[in-house]
Amino acid sequence: MDIEAKKTRKKWDLASQFFDWITWADDKRFSPFKKRLFKKIRGRTLLVGAGTGNDFRFLPVEAQIIAIDISPRMLAKAALKATAFPGSLELKEADVCALDFPENYFDTVLSVCTFCSVADPLRGLREIYRVLRLEGDFYLFEHVRSRIGPIGILFDLLTPLSRRFGPELNRDTVANVRNAGFKIVREENIYLDIVKWIEAKK
């Protein structure tokens, strides 16, 4: 694990102590969307950004899920929620920029609010491209930099502070997904143009 990945792990290990508390409102707001959208998941699935396991309840039980996170402390909390999942769910500590899965291994990859925090997002997306099978589905539930003038500028100003304690606010994740080689087939704004659901194909 490189230096930047270690910094990311340390940051989210610290955040794990209060993560559920600070994301409580977002969890309430976005749960209906996740419940609807995560039904699309099929087959052998990689969940990138397990966090504390709050999204496990939206995953289809017929899928075979491997959920990864760079933070062992996040995964320790997620393990408690994983016991309540009635399907196949394996937790694994991993850096999305250096996955130890073979090429074309997964039918589906789901990323949940992860690429705002990955140290090298393009490298991580290329790793996902590598492990996803041909014509496989890549789904992202992510927050991105707003294209609404004042909001985007505000995000730019806040990012140097926000990245010290959590996510970066001004990532252009849609462009990064394209630059990693994926074809975007659908893009839905969930909250303004900040929180998005993105569907892509390898």
C-alpha atoms as a PDB file:
ATOM      1  CA  MET A   1       0.000   0.000   0.000  1.00  0.00           C
ATOM      2  CA  ASP A   2       1.470   3.348  -1.039  1.00  0.00           C
ATOM      3  CA  ILE A   3       1.744   6.460   1.132  1.00  0.00           C
ATOM      4  CA  GLU A   4      -1.420   8.122  -0.201  1.00  0.00           C
ATOM      5  CA  ALA A   5      -3.460   4.967   0.359  1.00  0.00           C
ATOM      6  CA  LYS A   6      -2.174   4.757   3.931  1.00  0.00           C
ATOM      7  CA  LYS A   7      -3.220   8.363   4.496  1.00  0.00           C
ATOM      8  CA  THR A   8      -6.675   7.573   3.134  1.00  0.00           C
ATOM      9  CA  ARG A   9      -6.981   4.517   5.375  1.00  0.00           C
ATOM     10  CA  LYS A  10      -5.961   6.519   8.439  1.00  0.00           C
ATOM     11  CA  LYS A  11      -8.467   9.273   7.618  1.00  0.00           C
ATOM     12  CA  TRP A  12     -11.389   6.862   7.294  1.00  0.00           C
ATOM     13  CA  ASP A  13     -10.343   4.817  10.317  1.00  0.00           C
ATOM     14  CA  LEU A  14     -10.736   8.034  12.286  1.00  0.00           C
ATOM     15  CA  ALA A  15     -14.022   8.926  10.578  1.00  0.00           C
ATOM     16  CA  SER A  16     -15.477   5.498  11.395  1.00  0.00           C
ATOM     17  CA  GLN A  17     -16.007   6.608  14.994  1.00  0.00           C
ATOM     18  CA  PHE A  18     -18.691   9.127  14.035  1.00  0.00           C
ATOM     19  CA  PHE A  19     -19.546   8.147  10.443  1.00  0.00           C
ATOM     20  CA  ASP A  20     -23.069   6.854  11.107  1.00  0.00           C
ATOM     21  CA  TRP A  21     -23.891   9.967  13.105  1.00  0.00           C
ATOM     22  CA  ILE A  22     -22.735  12.495  10.502  1.00  0.00           C
ATOM     23  CA  THR A  23     -24.369  10.606   7.601  1.00  0.00           C
ATOM     24  CA  TRP A  24     -27.691  10.008   9.357  1.00  0.00           C
ATOM     25  CA  ALA A  25     -29.586  12.697   7.426  1.00  0.00           C
ATOM     26  CA  ASP A  26     -28.164  11.621   4.064  1.00  0.00           C
ATOM     27  CA  ASP A  27     -29.062   8.027   4.846  1.00  0.00           C
ATOM     28  CA  LYS A  28     -32.674   9.028   5.429  1.00  0.00           C
ATOM     29  CA  ARG A  29     -32.760  11.225   2.315  1.00  0.00           C
ATOM     30  CA  PHE A  30     -31.202   8.790  -0.134  1.00  0.00           C
ATOM     31  CA  SER A  31     -32.497   5.443   1.144  1.00  0.00           C
ATOM     32  CA  PRO A  32     -35.544   5.411  -1.186  1.00  0.00           C
ATOM     33  CA  PHE A  33     -33.309   5.967  -4.218  1.00  0.00           C
ATOM     34  CA  LYS A  34     -30.866   3.259  -3.180  1.00  0.00           C
ATOM     35  CA  LYS A  35     -33.684   0.817  -2.523  1.00  0.00           C
ATOM     36  CA  ARG A  36     -34.944   1.375  -6.073  1.00  0.00           C
ATOM     37  CA  LEU A  37     -31.629   1.535  -7.907  1.00  0.00           C
ATOM     38  CA  PHE A  38     -29.624  -1.199  -6.199  1.00  0.00           C
ATOM     39  CA  LYS A  39     -32.156  -3.767  -7.441  1.00  0.00           C
ATOM     40  CA  LYS A  40     -30.261  -3.676 -10.743  1.00  0.00           C
ATOM     41  CA  ILE A  41     -27.320  -5.582  -9.233  1.00  0.00           C
ATOM     42  CA  ARG A  42     -26.836  -9.090 -10.617  1.00  0.00           C
ATOM     43  CA  GLY A  43     -24.399 -11.970 -10.293  1.00  0.00           C
ATOM     44  CA  ARG A  44     -20.959 -11.797  -8.756  1.00  0.00           C
ATOM     45  CA  THR A  45     -20.755  -8.222  -7.492  1.00  0.00           C
ATOM     46  CA  LEU A  46     -17.993  -6.038  -6.098  1.00  0.00           C
ATOM     47  CA  LEU A  47     -19.221  -3.354  -3.690  1.00  0.00           C
ATOM     48  CA  VAL A  48     -16.602  -0.603  -3.501  1.00  0.00           C
ATOM     49  CA  GLY A  49     -16.874   1.413  -0.310  1.00  0.00           C
ATOM     50  CA  ALA A  50     -18.558  -0.863   2.208  1.00  0.00           C
ATOM     51  CA  GLY A  51     -18.260   1.813   4.873  1.00  0.00           C
ATOM     52  CA  THR A  52     -20.018   0.794   8.071  1.00  0.00           C
ATOM     53  CA  GLY A  53     -22.448  -1.412   6.153  1.00  0.00           C
ATOM     54  CA  ASN A  54     -25.426   0.932   5.993  1.00  0.00           C
ATOM     55  CA  ASP A  55     -26.132  -0.003   2.370  1.00  0.00           C
ATOM     56  CA  PHE A  56     -26.187  -3.774   2.857  1.00  0.00           C
ATOM     57  CA  ARG A  57     -29.942  -3.719   3.427  1.00  0.00           C
ATOM     58  CA  PHE A  58     -30.512  -2.490  -0.141  1.00  0.00           C
ATOM     59  CA  LEU A  59     -28.510  -5.249  -1.854  1.00  0.00           C
ATOM     60  CA  PRO A  60     -30.401  -8.065  -3.613  1.00  0.00           C
ATOM     61  CA  VAL A  61     -30.031 -11.345  -1.734  1.00  0.00           C
ATOM     62  CA  GLU A  62     -29.632 -13.355  -4.942  1.00  0.00           C
ATOM     63  CA  ALA A  63     -26.343 -11.601  -5.828  1.00  0.00           C
ATOM     64  CA  GLN A  64     -22.960 -12.825  -4.598  1.00  0.00           C
ATOM     65  CA  ILE A  65     -21.421  -9.766  -2.944  1.00  0.00           C
ATOM     66  CA  ILE A  66     -17.804  -9.023  -2.078  1.00  0.00           C
ATOM     67  CA  ALA A  67     -17.733  -5.710  -0.198  1.00  0.00           C
ATOM     68  CA  ILE A  68     -14.397  -3.916   0.131  1.00  0.00           C
ATOM     69  CA  ASP A  69     -13.169  -0.929   2.080  1.00  0.00           C
ATOM     70  CA  ILE A  70      -9.726   0.538   2.673  1.00  0.00           C
ATOM     71  CA  SER A  71     -10.501   1.122   6.372  1.00  0.00           C
ATOM     72  CA  PRO A  72     -10.355  -1.864   8.743  1.00  0.00           C
ATOM     73  CA  ARG A  73     -12.261   0.095  11.367  1.00  0.00           C
ATOM     74  CA  MET A  74     -15.087   0.765   8.931  1.00  0.00           C
ATOM     75  CA  LEU A  75     -15.164  -2.949   8.124  1.00  0.00           C
ATOM     76  CA  ALA A  76     -15.281  -3.864  11.802  1.00  0.00           C
ATOM     77  CA  LYS A  77     -18.518  -1.894  12.089  1.00  0.00           C
ATOM     78  CA  ALA A  78     -19.791  -3.303   8.792  1.00  0.00           C
ATOM     79  CA  ALA A  79     -19.235  -6.853  10.046  1.00  0.00           C
ATOM     80  CA  LEU A  80     -21.966  -6.383  12.637  1.00  0.00           C
ATOM     81  CA  LYS A  81     -24.483  -5.395   9.956  1.00  0.00           C
ATOM     82  CA  ALA A  82     -23.312  -8.120   7.578  1.00  0.00           C
ATOM     83  CA  THR A  83     -24.573 -10.768   9.992  1.00  0.00           C
ATOM     84  CA  ALA A  84     -28.126  -9.580   9.303  1.00  0.00           C
ATOM     85  CA  PHE A  85     -27.772  -9.907   5.507  1.00  0.00           C
ATOM     86  CA  PRO A  86     -29.594 -13.063   4.368  1.00  0.00           C
ATOM     87  CA  GLY A  87     -27.576 -13.549   1.178  1.00  0.00           C
ATOM     88  CA  SER A  88     -23.939 -14.135   0.226  1.00  0.00           C
ATOM     89  CA  LEU A  89     -21.791 -11.268   1.530  1.00  0.00           C
ATOM     90  CA  GLU A  90     -18.015 -11.333   2.075  1.00  0.00           C
ATOM     91  CA  LEU A  91     -16.096  -8.416   3.589  1.00  0.00           C
ATOM     92  CA  LYS A  92     -12.542  -7.685   2.503  1.00  0.00           C
ATOM     93  CA  GLU A  93     -10.033  -4.957   3.323  1.00  0.00           C
ATOM     94  CA  ALA A  94      -8.729  -3.640   0.004  1.00  0.00           C
ATOM     95  CA  ASP A  95      -7.562  -0.573  -1.872  1.00  0.00           C
ATOM     96  CA  VAL A  96      -9.557  -0.102  -5.074  1.00  0.00           C
ATOM     97  CA  CYS A  97      -6.360   1.124  -6.752  1.00  0.00           C
ATOM     98  CA  ALA A  98      -4.712  -2.287  -6.244  1.00  0.00           C
ATOM     99  CA  LEU A  99      -7.330  -5.036  -6.416  1.00  0.00           C
ATOM    100  CA  ASP A 100      -6.210  -8.649  -6.051  1.00  0.00           C
ATOM    101  CA  PHE A 101      -8.940 -10.101  -8.260  1.00  0.00           C
ATOM    102  CA  PRO A 102      -8.362 -11.584 -11.735  1.00  0.00           C
ATOM    103  CA  GLU A 103      -9.427  -9.865 -14.933  1.00  0.00           C
ATOM    104  CA  ASN A 104     -13.088 -10.157 -15.976  1.00  0.00           C
ATOM    105  CA  TYR A 105     -14.038 -11.561 -12.560  1.00  0.00           C
ATOM    106  CA  PHE A 106     -17.174  -9.596 -11.681  1.00  0.00           C
ATOM    107  CA  ASP A 107     -20.543  -9.324 -13.412  1.00  0.00           C
ATOM    108  CA  THR A 108     -21.348  -6.073 -11.608  1.00  0.00           C
ATOM    109  CA  VAL A 109     -19.458  -3.402  -9.690  1.00  0.00           C
ATOM    110  CA  LEU A 110     -21.216  -0.909  -7.414  1.00  0.00           C
ATOM    111  CA  SER A 111     -19.428   2.125  -5.984  1.00  0.00           C
ATOM    112  CA  VAL A 112     -21.154   4.111  -3.248  1.00  0.00           C
ATOM    113  CA  CYS A 113     -19.721   7.544  -2.412  1.00  0.00           C
ATOM    114  CA  THR A 114     -16.181   6.263  -2.845  1.00  0.00           C
ATOM    115  CA  PHE A 115     -14.525   8.101  -5.715  1.00  0.00           C
ATOM    116  CA  CYS A 116     -14.737  11.382  -3.844  1.00  0.00           C
ATOM    117  CA  SER A 117     -12.055   9.933  -1.569  1.00  0.00           C
ATOM    118  CA  VAL A 118      -9.844   7.611  -3.623  1.00  0.00           C
ATOM    119  CA  ALA A 119      -6.330   9.079  -3.741  1.00  0.00           C
ATOM    120  CA  ASP A 120      -5.920   8.307  -7.462  1.00  0.00           C
ATOM    121  CA  PRO A 121      -9.461   8.017  -8.861  1.00  0.00           C
ATOM    122  CA  LEU A 122      -8.470   7.253 -12.440  1.00  0.00           C
ATOM    123  CA  ARG A 123      -6.211   4.419 -11.314  1.00  0.00           C
ATOM    124  CA  GLY A 124      -9.010   3.007  -9.181  1.00  0.00           C
ATOM    125  CA  LEU A 125     -11.499   3.196 -12.041  1.00  0.00           C
ATOM    126  CA  ARG A 126      -9.071   1.429 -14.354  1.00  0.00           C
ATOM    127  CA  GLU A 127      -8.734  -1.348 -11.797  1.00  0.00           C
ATOM    128  CA  ILE A 128     -12.512  -1.711 -11.798  1.00  0.00           C
ATOM    129  CA  TYR A 129     -12.445  -1.831 -15.590  1.00  0.00           C
ATOM    130  CA  ARG A 130      -9.885  -4.632 -15.387  1.00  0.00           C
ATOM    131  CA  VAL A 131     -11.836  -6.853 -12.981  1.00  0.00           C
ATOM    132  CA  LEU A 132     -15.248  -6.297 -14.618  1.00  0.00           C
ATOM    133  CA  ARG A 133     -16.223  -8.734 -17.352  1.00  0.00           C
ATOM    134  CA  LEU A 134     -16.914  -7.595 -20.908  1.00  0.00           C
ATOM    135  CA  GLU A 135     -20.376  -6.002 -21.088  1.00  0.00           C
ATOM    136  CA  GLY A 136     -20.481  -6.001 -17.286  1.00  0.00           C
ATOM    137  CA  ASP A 137     -22.359  -3.281 -15.403  1.00  0.00           C
ATOM    138  CA  PHE A 138     -20.670  -0.550 -13.380  1.00  0.00           C
ATOM    139  CA  TYR A 139     -23.010   1.435 -11.145  1.00  0.00           C
ATOM    140  CA  LEU A 140     -22.009   4.495  -9.131  1.00  0.00           C
ATOM    141  CA  PHE A 141     -23.940   6.387  -6.473  1.00  0.00           C
ATOM    142  CA  GLU A 142     -21.599   9.350  -6.048  1.00  0.00           C
ATOM    143  CA  HIS A 143     -21.444  13.032  -5.220  1.00  0.00           C
ATOM    144  CA  VAL A 144     -19.546  15.242  -7.669  1.00  0.00           C
ATOM    145  CA  ARG A 145     -18.643  18.849  -8.331  1.00  0.00           C
ATOM    146  CA  SER A 146     -21.715  20.883  -9.216  1.00  0.00           C
ATOM    147  CA  ARG A 147     -21.829  22.651 -12.579  1.00  0.00           C
ATOM    148  CA  ILE A 148     -24.101  25.294 -11.061  1.00  0.00           C
ATOM    149  CA  GLY A 149     -21.733  28.280 -11.005  1.00  0.00           C
ATOM    150  CA  PRO A 150     -21.718  29.486  -7.382  1.00  0.00           C
ATOM    151  CA  ILE A 151     -22.105  25.976  -5.942  1.00  0.00           C
ATOM    152  CA  GLY A 152     -19.195  24.654  -7.990  1.00  0.00           C
ATOM    153  CA  ILE A 153     -17.001  27.568  -6.909  1.00  0.00           C
ATOM    154  CA  LEU A 154     -17.975  26.992  -3.276  1.00  0.00           C
ATOM    155  CA  PHE A 155     -17.034  23.312  -3.585  1.00  0.00           C
ATOM    156  CA  ASP A 156     -13.651  24.313  -5.020  1.00  0.00           C
ATOM    157  CA  LEU A 157     -13.046  26.622  -2.069  1.00  0.00           C
ATOM    158  CA  LEU A 158     -14.104  24.042   0.523  1.00  0.00           C
ATOM    159  CA  THR A 159     -12.234  21.053  -0.898  1.00  0.00           C
ATOM    160  CA  PRO A 160      -8.780  21.865   0.574  1.00  0.00           C
ATOM    161  CA  LEU A 161     -10.414  21.682   4.006  1.00  0.00           C
ATOM    162  CA  SER A 162     -12.821  18.804   3.366  1.00  0.00           C
ATOM    163  CA  ARG A 163     -10.108  16.495   2.011  1.00  0.00           C
ATOM    164  CA  ARG A 164      -8.285  16.663   5.344  1.00  0.00           C
ATOM    165  CA  PHE A 165     -11.177  15.032   7.196  1.00  0.00           C
ATOM    166  CA  GLY A 166     -13.228  13.274   4.530  1.00  0.00           C
ATOM    167  CA  PRO A 167     -14.169  13.512   0.847  1.00  0.00           C
ATOM    168  CA  GLU A 168     -13.163  15.901  -1.890  1.00  0.00           C
ATOM    169  CA  LEU A 169     -16.140  17.959  -3.050  1.00  0.00           C
ATOM    170  CA  ASN A 170     -15.047  18.908  -6.560  1.00  0.00           C
ATOM    171  CA  ARG A 171     -14.309  15.632  -8.336  1.00  0.00           C
ATOM    172  CA  ASP A 172     -15.541  15.251 -11.930  1.00  0.00           C
ATOM    173  CA  THR A 173     -16.334  11.574 -11.529  1.00  0.00           C
ATOM    174  CA  VAL A 174     -18.428  11.345 -14.700  1.00  0.00           C
ATOM    175  CA  ALA A 175     -15.452  12.445 -16.805  1.00  0.00           C
ATOM    176  CA  ASN A 176     -13.152  10.124 -14.871  1.00  0.00           C
ATOM    177  CA  VAL A 177     -15.401   7.138 -15.584  1.00  0.00           C
ATOM    178  CA  ARG A 178     -15.277   7.911 -19.300  1.00  0.00           C
ATOM    179  CA  ASN A 179     -11.517   8.441 -19.220  1.00  0.00           C
ATOM    180  CA  ALA A 180     -11.078   5.022 -17.614  1.00  0.00           C
ATOM    181  CA  GLY A 181     -12.612   3.433 -20.717  1.00  0.00           C
ATOM    182  CA  PHE A 182     -16.237   2.950 -19.709  1.00  0.00           C
ATOM    183  CA  LYS A 183     -19.252   3.870 -21.798  1.00  0.00           C
ATOM    184  CA  ILE A 184     -21.819   5.793 -19.746  1.00  0.00           C
ATOM    185  CA  VAL A 185     -25.316   4.628 -20.648  1.00  0.00           C
ATOM    186  CA  ARG A 186     -27.360   6.517 -18.042  1.00  0.00           C
ATOM    187  CA  GLU A 187     -26.903   9.425 -15.666  1.00  0.00           C
ATOM    188  CA  GLU A 188     -29.588  10.446 -13.163  1.00  0.00           C
ATOM    189  CA  ASN A 189     -29.442  13.449 -10.864  1.00  0.00           C
ATOM    190  CA  ILE A 190     -30.553  12.417  -7.386  1.00  0.00           C
ATOM    191  CA  TYR A 191     -29.983  15.751  -5.631  1.00  0.00           C
ATOM    192  CA  LEU A 192     -29.489  18.805  -7.866  1.00  0.00           C
ATOM    193  CA  ASP A 193     -26.491  17.865 -10.017  1.00  0.00           C
ATOM    194  CA  ILE A 194     -24.397  16.994  -6.963  1.00  0.00           C
ATOM    195  CA  VAL A 195     -25.491  13.454  -6.088  1.00  0.00           C
ATOM    196  CA  LYS A 196     -25.747  11.218  -9.136  1.00  0.00           C
ATOM    197  CA  TRP A 197     -26.589   7.683 -10.161  1.00  0.00           C
ATOM    198  CA  ILE A 198     -24.339   6.643 -13.033  1.00  0.00           C
ATOM    199  CA  GLU A 199     -24.679   3.482 -15.118  1.00  0.00           C
ATOM    200  CA  ALA A 200     -21.733   2.443 -17.272  1.00  0.00           C
ATOM    201  CA  LYS A 201     -20.686  -0.528 -19.394  1.00  0.00           C
ATOM    202  CA  LYS A 202     -17.278  -2.001 -20.029  1.00  0.00           C
END
